[in-house]
């Protein structure tokens, strides 16, 4: 077997498990959603050796122990929050400029000038 299908204890892995079976899903879900079990994917450190598809326990970054079917070895992060709204794109730059201006005014106060108002 290759490393691509087998993990060792301590390897960073991802397991898949069913959180809610179809019969346990909430009432009122769309029919196509209600027909599927609710699945979760959890990343953590393998607690034993396993092959893709085997049931394995992992210890998460927060110390929880979760079991599931090994679905990936050395998984990455592929999530995205999508394109940012135009209204918030410049917030970081604008905030840094305001903080810099406030600090400059505070430095001037330390040199004997009038005090700046907080948030200016």
N, C-alpha and C. Protein backbone atom coordinates (compact mmCIF):
# COMPACT_ATOMS: atom_id res chain seq x y z
N UNK A 1 0.84 -1.19 0.00
CA UNK A 1 0.00 0.00 0.00
C UNK A 1 0.88 1.25 0.00
N UNK A 2 0.36 2.33 -0.55
CA UNK A 2 1.10 3.59 -0.59
C UNK A 2 0.63 4.50 0.53
N UNK A 3 1.40 5.55 0.77
CA UNK A 3 1.02 6.50 1.81
C UNK A 3 -0.27 7.24 1.48
N UNK A 4 -0.65 7.24 0.20
CA UNK A 4 -1.84 7.96 -0.22
C UNK A 4 -3.12 7.30 0.29
N UNK A 5 -3.06 6.03 0.65
CA UNK A 5 -4.27 5.34 1.10
C UNK A 5 -4.17 4.83 2.53
N UNK A 6 -3.02 4.99 3.16
CA UNK A 6 -2.82 4.50 4.52
C UNK A 6 -2.27 5.61 5.40
N UNK A 7 -2.80 5.73 6.60
CA UNK A 7 -2.28 6.72 7.53
C UNK A 7 -1.67 6.01 8.73
N UNK A 8 -0.83 6.71 9.43
CA UNK A 8 -0.19 6.22 10.65
C UNK A 8 -0.71 7.02 11.83
N UNK A 9 -0.55 6.52 13.04
CA UNK A 9 -0.97 7.29 14.22
C UNK A 9 -0.27 8.65 14.22
N UNK A 10 -1.03 9.69 14.50
CA UNK A 10 -0.49 11.05 14.54
C UNK A 10 -0.59 11.80 13.23
N UNK A 11 -0.92 11.13 12.13
CA UNK A 11 -1.08 11.83 10.84
C UNK A 11 -2.32 12.73 10.87
N UNK A 12 -2.23 13.85 10.17
CA UNK A 12 -3.37 14.77 10.00
C UNK A 12 -4.30 14.16 8.96
N UNK A 13 -5.54 13.88 9.37
CA UNK A 13 -6.49 13.20 8.49
C UNK A 13 -7.87 13.82 8.60
N UNK A 14 -8.77 13.33 7.75
CA UNK A 14 -10.17 13.76 7.78
C UNK A 14 -11.04 12.50 7.80
N UNK A 15 -12.05 12.51 8.67
CA UNK A 15 -13.01 11.42 8.70
C UNK A 15 -14.39 11.95 8.35
N UNK A 16 -15.19 11.08 7.78
CA UNK A 16 -16.58 11.41 7.43
C UNK A 16 -17.47 10.54 8.30
N UNK A 17 -18.53 11.15 8.82
CA UNK A 17 -19.48 10.37 9.59
C UNK A 17 -20.88 10.91 9.40
N UNK A 18 -21.86 10.07 9.69
CA UNK A 18 -23.25 10.48 9.61
C UNK A 18 -23.63 11.04 10.97
N UNK A 19 -24.07 12.29 10.98
CA UNK A 19 -24.48 12.93 12.22
C UNK A 19 -25.95 12.64 12.51
N UNK A 20 -26.79 12.72 11.48
CA UNK A 20 -28.22 12.42 11.62
C UNK A 20 -28.67 11.53 10.47
N UNK A 21 -29.33 10.45 10.81
CA UNK A 21 -29.91 9.59 9.78
C UNK A 21 -31.14 10.28 9.21
N UNK A 22 -31.63 9.80 8.07
CA UNK A 22 -32.78 10.40 7.39
C UNK A 22 -33.96 10.55 8.35
N UNK A 23 -34.26 9.54 9.14
CA UNK A 23 -35.41 9.57 10.05
C UNK A 23 -35.23 10.58 11.18
N UNK A 24 -34.01 11.01 11.44
CA UNK A 24 -33.73 11.95 12.53
C UNK A 24 -33.68 13.41 12.06
N UNK A 25 -33.78 13.63 10.75
CA UNK A 25 -33.69 14.99 10.21
C UNK A 25 -34.92 15.80 10.61
N UNK A 26 -34.79 17.11 10.63
CA UNK A 26 -35.87 18.02 11.00
C UNK A 26 -37.03 17.94 10.01
N UNK A 27 -38.22 18.15 10.52
CA UNK A 27 -39.41 18.21 9.68
C UNK A 27 -39.39 19.53 8.92
N UNK A 28 -39.87 19.50 7.68
CA UNK A 28 -39.97 20.74 6.92
C UNK A 28 -38.80 21.01 6.00
N UNK A 29 -37.85 20.09 5.94
CA UNK A 29 -36.74 20.27 5.00
C UNK A 29 -37.22 20.01 3.58
N UNK A 30 -36.57 20.58 2.59
CA UNK A 30 -36.92 20.24 1.21
C UNK A 30 -36.75 18.73 1.00
N UNK A 31 -37.56 18.14 0.14
CA UNK A 31 -37.59 16.69 -0.04
C UNK A 31 -36.22 16.12 -0.40
N UNK A 32 -35.47 16.78 -1.30
CA UNK A 32 -34.17 16.23 -1.68
C UNK A 32 -33.17 16.28 -0.54
N UNK A 33 -33.28 17.28 0.33
CA UNK A 33 -32.41 17.36 1.50
C UNK A 33 -32.81 16.33 2.55
N UNK A 34 -34.11 16.21 2.80
CA UNK A 34 -34.61 15.28 3.81
C UNK A 34 -34.31 13.83 3.45
N UNK A 35 -34.11 13.54 2.18
CA UNK A 35 -33.86 12.16 1.74
C UNK A 35 -32.41 11.72 1.99
N UNK A 36 -31.56 12.64 2.42
CA UNK A 36 -30.14 12.33 2.65
C UNK A 36 -29.80 12.43 4.13
N UNK A 37 -28.92 11.56 4.64
CA UNK A 37 -28.46 11.74 6.01
C UNK A 37 -27.59 13.00 6.10
N UNK A 38 -27.51 13.58 7.28
CA UNK A 38 -26.65 14.74 7.50
C UNK A 38 -25.25 14.24 7.80
N UNK A 39 -24.31 14.56 6.93
CA UNK A 39 -22.93 14.10 7.07
C UNK A 39 -22.04 15.24 7.54
N UNK A 40 -20.99 14.88 8.28
CA UNK A 40 -19.99 15.85 8.71
C UNK A 40 -18.61 15.30 8.37
N UNK A 41 -17.69 16.21 8.14
CA UNK A 41 -16.30 15.85 7.90
C UNK A 41 -15.49 16.55 8.98
N UNK A 42 -14.67 15.77 9.67
CA UNK A 42 -13.92 16.28 10.81
C UNK A 42 -12.44 16.00 10.58
N UNK A 43 -11.61 17.03 10.78
CA UNK A 43 -10.17 16.87 10.65
C UNK A 43 -9.56 16.68 12.04
N UNK A 44 -8.51 15.89 12.08
CA UNK A 44 -7.82 15.65 13.35
C UNK A 44 -6.63 14.74 13.15
N UNK A 45 -6.03 14.34 14.26
CA UNK A 45 -4.86 13.47 14.25
C UNK A 45 -5.31 12.02 14.42
N UNK A 46 -4.87 11.15 13.51
CA UNK A 46 -5.24 9.74 13.57
C UNK A 46 -4.74 9.14 14.87
N UNK A 47 -5.56 8.32 15.49
CA UNK A 47 -5.17 7.66 16.73
C UNK A 47 -4.67 6.25 16.48
N UNK A 48 -4.78 5.78 15.24
CA UNK A 48 -4.29 4.45 14.88
C UNK A 48 -4.00 4.42 13.39
N UNK A 49 -3.43 3.32 12.95
CA UNK A 49 -3.19 3.14 11.52
C UNK A 49 -4.51 2.77 10.85
N UNK A 50 -4.71 3.24 9.62
CA UNK A 50 -5.95 2.92 8.91
C UNK A 50 -5.75 3.15 7.42
N UNK A 51 -6.67 2.59 6.65
CA UNK A 51 -6.69 2.81 5.21
C UNK A 51 -7.94 3.62 4.87
N UNK A 52 -7.92 4.32 3.74
CA UNK A 52 -9.09 5.09 3.30
C UNK A 52 -10.31 4.18 3.34
N UNK A 53 -11.37 4.65 3.95
CA UNK A 53 -12.61 3.89 4.07
C UNK A 53 -12.76 3.16 5.40
N UNK A 54 -11.64 2.93 6.10
CA UNK A 54 -11.72 2.27 7.41
C UNK A 54 -12.31 3.20 8.45
N UNK A 55 -12.92 2.62 9.47
CA UNK A 55 -13.39 3.40 10.61
C UNK A 55 -12.19 3.66 11.51
N UNK A 56 -12.04 4.92 11.92
CA UNK A 56 -10.89 5.33 12.71
C UNK A 56 -11.30 6.43 13.67
N UNK A 57 -10.57 6.56 14.77
CA UNK A 57 -10.77 7.68 15.69
C UNK A 57 -9.72 8.73 15.41
N UNK A 58 -10.13 10.00 15.52
CA UNK A 58 -9.20 11.11 15.40
C UNK A 58 -9.35 12.00 16.62
N UNK A 59 -8.26 12.67 16.95
CA UNK A 59 -8.32 13.68 18.01
C UNK A 59 -8.24 15.04 17.34
N UNK A 60 -9.26 15.86 17.57
CA UNK A 60 -9.33 17.17 16.92
C UNK A 60 -8.38 18.15 17.59
N UNK A 61 -8.24 19.31 17.00
CA UNK A 61 -7.39 20.36 17.57
C UNK A 61 -7.88 20.79 18.94
N UNK A 62 -9.16 20.61 19.22
CA UNK A 62 -9.70 21.00 20.52
C UNK A 62 -9.70 19.86 21.52
N UNK A 63 -9.16 18.70 21.12
CA UNK A 63 -9.05 17.58 22.03
C UNK A 63 -10.21 16.60 22.00
N UNK A 64 -11.24 16.85 21.18
CA UNK A 64 -12.35 15.90 21.06
C UNK A 64 -11.88 14.66 20.34
N UNK A 65 -12.45 13.52 20.68
CA UNK A 65 -12.18 12.28 19.97
C UNK A 65 -13.43 11.95 19.17
N UNK A 66 -13.26 11.82 17.85
CA UNK A 66 -14.38 11.59 16.95
C UNK A 66 -14.04 10.38 16.09
N UNK A 67 -15.03 9.53 15.86
CA UNK A 67 -14.79 8.39 14.97
C UNK A 67 -15.58 8.58 13.68
N UNK A 68 -15.06 8.01 12.62
CA UNK A 68 -15.71 8.07 11.32
C UNK A 68 -14.90 7.29 10.32
N UNK A 69 -15.32 7.32 9.07
CA UNK A 69 -14.62 6.63 7.99
C UNK A 69 -13.53 7.54 7.46
N UNK A 70 -12.31 7.04 7.41
CA UNK A 70 -11.18 7.82 6.92
C UNK A 70 -11.45 8.23 5.47
N UNK A 71 -11.50 9.55 5.23
CA UNK A 71 -11.81 10.04 3.89
C UNK A 71 -10.65 10.76 3.21
N UNK A 72 -9.67 11.24 3.99
CA UNK A 72 -8.53 11.94 3.39
C UNK A 72 -7.35 11.91 4.34
N UNK A 73 -6.17 11.87 3.77
CA UNK A 73 -4.92 11.94 4.52
C UNK A 73 -4.23 13.24 4.14
N UNK A 74 -3.78 13.98 5.12
CA UNK A 74 -3.17 15.31 4.91
C UNK A 74 -4.12 16.23 4.15
N UNK A 75 -5.38 16.37 4.62
CA UNK A 75 -6.34 17.22 3.91
C UNK A 75 -5.98 18.70 4.03
N UNK A 76 -6.37 19.45 3.02
CA UNK A 76 -6.18 20.89 3.05
C UNK A 76 -7.50 21.58 3.38
N UNK A 77 -7.50 22.87 3.24
CA UNK A 77 -8.70 23.67 3.46
C UNK A 77 -9.09 24.28 2.13
N UNK A 78 -10.30 24.03 1.67
CA UNK A 78 -10.74 24.52 0.37
C UNK A 78 -11.96 25.42 0.46
N UNK A 79 -12.32 25.85 1.67
CA UNK A 79 -13.52 26.67 1.81
C UNK A 79 -13.28 28.09 1.32
N UNK A 80 -14.35 28.76 1.04
CA UNK A 80 -14.30 30.16 0.65
C UNK A 80 -15.58 30.83 1.14
N UNK A 81 -15.47 32.11 1.37
CA UNK A 81 -16.65 32.86 1.78
C UNK A 81 -17.21 33.64 0.60
N UNK A 82 -16.70 33.36 -0.59
CA UNK A 82 -17.20 34.02 -1.79
C UNK A 82 -16.58 35.39 -1.99
N UNK A 83 -17.08 36.10 -2.96
CA UNK A 83 -16.61 37.44 -3.28
C UNK A 83 -17.09 38.41 -2.22
N UNK A 84 -16.19 39.24 -1.68
CA UNK A 84 -16.62 40.18 -0.64
C UNK A 84 -17.50 41.29 -1.23
N UNK A 85 -18.49 41.73 -0.48
CA UNK A 85 -19.32 42.85 -0.94
C UNK A 85 -18.47 44.11 -1.08
N UNK A 86 -18.75 44.91 -2.09
CA UNK A 86 -17.98 46.12 -2.36
C UNK A 86 -17.93 47.05 -1.14
N UNK A 87 -18.98 47.05 -0.33
CA UNK A 87 -19.05 47.94 0.82
C UNK A 87 -18.00 47.62 1.88
N UNK A 88 -17.49 46.40 1.92
CA UNK A 88 -16.54 46.06 2.98
C UNK A 88 -15.10 45.84 2.48
N UNK A 89 -14.87 45.93 1.20
CA UNK A 89 -13.54 45.65 0.65
C UNK A 89 -12.48 46.57 1.24
N UNK A 90 -12.80 47.83 1.46
CA UNK A 90 -11.80 48.82 1.89
C UNK A 90 -11.76 49.04 3.40
N UNK A 91 -12.54 48.29 4.16
CA UNK A 91 -12.61 48.52 5.60
C UNK A 91 -11.25 48.39 6.26
N UNK A 92 -10.50 47.37 5.96
CA UNK A 92 -9.19 47.16 6.59
C UNK A 92 -8.25 48.31 6.34
N UNK A 93 -8.16 48.73 5.08
CA UNK A 93 -7.26 49.84 4.75
C UNK A 93 -7.71 51.13 5.43
N UNK A 94 -9.01 51.41 5.39
CA UNK A 94 -9.53 52.63 6.01
C UNK A 94 -9.30 52.62 7.52
N UNK A 95 -9.51 51.47 8.16
CA UNK A 95 -9.31 51.38 9.60
C UNK A 95 -7.85 51.60 9.97
N UNK A 96 -6.93 51.00 9.20
CA UNK A 96 -5.51 51.20 9.48
C UNK A 96 -5.13 52.68 9.33
N UNK A 97 -5.70 53.36 8.34
CA UNK A 97 -5.41 54.79 8.16
C UNK A 97 -5.93 55.59 9.34
N UNK A 98 -7.12 55.27 9.83
CA UNK A 98 -7.66 55.98 10.99
C UNK A 98 -6.82 55.74 12.24
N UNK A 99 -6.38 54.50 12.44
CA UNK A 99 -5.54 54.19 13.60
C UNK A 99 -4.21 54.95 13.50
N UNK A 100 -3.62 54.99 12.31
CA UNK A 100 -2.37 55.71 12.13
C UNK A 100 -2.55 57.20 12.42
N UNK A 101 -3.65 57.79 11.96
CA UNK A 101 -3.92 59.21 12.22
C UNK A 101 -4.12 59.45 13.72
N UNK A 102 -4.82 58.55 14.38
CA UNK A 102 -5.04 58.68 15.82
C UNK A 102 -3.72 58.61 16.57
N UNK A 103 -2.87 57.65 16.18
CA UNK A 103 -1.57 57.52 16.85
C UNK A 103 -0.70 58.76 16.62
N UNK A 104 -0.76 59.31 15.42
CA UNK A 104 0.01 60.53 15.13
C UNK A 104 -0.48 61.68 16.00
N UNK A 105 -1.81 61.79 16.15
CA UNK A 105 -2.37 62.85 17.01
C UNK A 105 -1.99 62.62 18.46
N UNK A 106 -1.98 61.36 18.90
CA UNK A 106 -1.59 61.05 20.28
C UNK A 106 -0.12 61.38 20.51
N UNK A 107 0.71 61.15 19.51
CA UNK A 107 2.13 61.49 19.64
C UNK A 107 2.30 63.00 19.73
N UNK A 108 1.46 63.75 19.00
CA UNK A 108 1.52 65.21 19.06
C UNK A 108 1.11 65.69 20.44
N UNK A 109 0.14 65.02 21.08
CA UNK A 109 -0.30 65.37 22.43
C UNK A 109 0.85 65.17 23.40
N UNK A 110 1.56 64.07 23.23
CA UNK A 110 2.70 63.79 24.10
C UNK A 110 3.76 64.87 23.96
N UNK A 111 3.78 65.53 22.81
CA UNK A 111 4.72 66.61 22.56
C UNK A 111 4.21 67.97 23.04
N UNK A 112 3.01 68.01 23.70
CA UNK A 112 2.51 69.25 24.25
C UNK A 112 1.34 69.87 23.53
N UNK A 113 0.75 69.20 22.55
CA UNK A 113 -0.38 69.76 21.83
C UNK A 113 -1.68 69.28 22.45
N UNK A 114 -2.84 69.72 21.96
CA UNK A 114 -4.17 69.35 22.46
C UNK A 114 -4.40 67.86 22.26
N UNK A 115 -5.25 67.25 23.13
CA UNK A 115 -5.51 65.81 23.05
C UNK A 115 -6.53 65.50 21.97
N UNK A 116 -6.33 64.36 21.25
CA UNK A 116 -7.31 63.96 20.23
C UNK A 116 -8.51 63.29 20.89
N UNK A 117 -9.64 63.39 20.26
CA UNK A 117 -10.83 62.68 20.73
C UNK A 117 -10.73 61.23 20.28
N UNK A 118 -11.15 60.31 21.14
CA UNK A 118 -11.11 58.89 20.78
C UNK A 118 -11.97 58.66 19.55
N UNK A 119 -11.45 57.88 18.62
CA UNK A 119 -12.21 57.54 17.43
C UNK A 119 -12.05 58.53 16.28
N UNK A 120 -11.34 59.60 16.49
CA UNK A 120 -11.14 60.56 15.39
C UNK A 120 -10.19 60.00 14.37
